[in-house]
Amino acid sequence: MIAKIFTAPYYAVIFTTILTDNIEGYQEMAEKMDNLAKEQEGYLGIESARSEIGITVSYWKSLEAISKWKNNVEHTYAREMGRQKWYQQYQLRICKVEREYGFEK
């Protein structure tokens, strides 16, 4: 599902992953983090595609909101579990979105 249109400027956090073979508990934690993120101040939306390479883009009102999410206790625990168990590799990018447009039939 494509996230709704937001009022620019806002921020996108792009999280790209390659998983290990040991993904027990990963899907449950990913869903938990998606739901927890939705409760955070400044959260706007999320888009995710997970297959050979996982890409999750979350949208935020400010850099401060992103920082608070990063420092959330449960999110910190999930990141540590990811490093120890689920992720072979990941890359995180934070971008400022200044303009957007789209198409829908």
Protein backbone atom coordinates (compact mmCIF):
# COMPACT_ATOMS: atom_id res chain seq x y z
CA MET A 1 0.00 0.00 0.00
CA ILE A 2 1.31 3.44 -0.88
CA ALA A 3 1.27 5.96 1.94
CA LYS A 4 -1.05 8.94 1.60
CA ILE A 5 0.18 12.33 0.42
CA PHE A 6 1.82 14.47 3.10
CA THR A 7 2.47 18.19 3.22
CA ALA A 8 6.11 18.87 2.28
CA PRO A 9 8.63 19.30 3.64
CA TYR A 10 8.82 16.15 5.71
CA TYR A 11 11.38 13.38 6.20
CA ALA A 12 11.73 9.84 4.89
CA VAL A 13 13.73 7.17 6.68
CA ILE A 14 14.74 4.48 4.19
CA PHE A 15 15.73 1.19 5.82
CA THR A 16 17.14 -1.41 3.41
CA THR A 17 17.95 -4.92 4.67
CA ILE A 18 19.25 -8.32 3.73
CA LEU A 19 18.19 -10.98 6.22
CA THR A 20 20.13 -13.93 7.59
CA ASP A 21 18.73 -17.44 7.33
CA ASN A 22 17.63 -17.21 10.98
CA ILE A 23 14.44 -15.14 10.78
CA GLU A 24 12.50 -16.78 13.61
CA GLY A 25 10.51 -14.02 15.31
CA TYR A 26 11.43 -11.40 12.70
CA GLN A 27 7.97 -10.93 11.16
CA GLU A 28 6.34 -10.57 14.57
CA MET A 29 8.91 -7.96 15.63
CA ALA A 30 8.55 -6.08 12.33
CA GLU A 31 4.77 -5.88 12.82
CA LYS A 32 5.24 -4.79 16.43
CA MET A 33 7.62 -2.01 15.36
CA ASP A 34 5.23 -0.87 12.60
CA ASN A 35 2.43 -0.59 15.16
CA LEU A 36 4.64 1.11 17.75
CA ALA A 37 5.92 3.64 15.20
CA LYS A 38 2.32 4.64 14.44
CA GLU A 39 1.95 5.73 18.07
CA GLN A 40 4.97 8.06 17.98
CA GLU A 41 4.60 11.82 17.79
CA GLY A 42 5.55 13.07 14.34
CA TYR A 43 4.87 9.76 12.55
CA LEU A 44 3.19 10.19 9.17
CA GLY A 45 3.14 6.78 7.46
CA ILE A 46 5.04 3.75 6.20
CA GLU A 47 5.60 1.71 3.04
CA SER A 48 7.35 -1.64 3.03
CA ALA A 49 8.35 -4.39 0.60
CA ARG A 50 10.11 -7.45 1.92
CA SER A 51 11.61 -10.17 -0.25
CA GLU A 52 15.27 -10.87 -1.12
CA ILE A 53 16.00 -7.25 -0.21
CA GLY A 54 13.69 -5.58 2.29
CA ILE A 55 12.93 -1.88 1.92
CA THR A 56 10.90 0.01 4.48
CA VAL A 57 10.30 3.74 4.17
CA SER A 58 8.80 5.55 7.14
CA TYR A 59 7.72 9.17 6.98
CA TRP A 60 8.15 11.74 9.75
CA LYS A 61 7.32 15.39 10.40
CA SER A 62 10.78 16.29 11.75
CA LEU A 63 14.31 15.14 12.49
CA GLU A 64 13.43 15.43 16.19
CA ALA A 65 10.60 12.91 15.74
CA ILE A 66 13.01 10.53 13.98
CA SER A 67 15.51 10.88 16.82
CA LYS A 68 12.85 10.15 19.44
CA TRP A 69 11.80 7.04 17.50
CA LYS A 70 15.41 5.89 17.26
CA ASN A 71 15.78 6.24 21.04
CA ASN A 72 12.50 4.49 21.90
CA VAL A 73 13.36 1.65 24.32
CA GLU A 74 11.43 -1.05 22.46
CA HIS A 75 12.83 0.10 19.10
CA THR A 76 16.37 0.00 20.55
CA TYR A 77 15.78 -3.59 21.67
CA ALA A 78 14.48 -4.54 18.20
CA ARG A 79 17.56 -3.00 16.55
CA GLU A 80 19.86 -5.02 18.82
CA MET A 81 17.95 -8.22 18.03
CA GLY A 82 18.27 -7.39 14.34
CA ARG A 83 22.02 -6.97 14.57
CA GLN A 84 22.47 -10.13 16.62
CA LYS A 85 20.05 -12.40 14.81
CA TRP A 86 18.14 -11.22 11.73
CA TYR A 87 20.24 -8.87 9.62
CA GLN A 88 23.10 -9.90 7.43
CA GLN A 89 23.33 -6.28 6.30
CA TYR A 90 21.33 -3.07 6.58
CA GLN A 91 21.58 0.54 5.50
CA LEU A 92 19.58 3.46 6.83
CA ARG A 93 19.14 6.75 5.00
CA ILE A 94 17.33 9.88 6.16
CA CYS A 95 16.09 12.22 3.44
CA LYS A 96 14.21 15.50 3.41
CA VAL A 97 11.25 15.37 1.03
CA GLU A 98 10.67 18.78 -0.47
CA ARG A 99 8.22 17.85 -3.21
CA GLU A 100 6.11 14.89 -4.26
CA TYR A 101 3.62 13.90 -6.92
CA GLY A 102 1.94 10.72 -8.03
CA PHE A 103 -0.72 9.04 -10.15
CA GLU A 104 -3.68 6.82 -9.36
CA LYS A 105 -6.34 5.33 -11.68
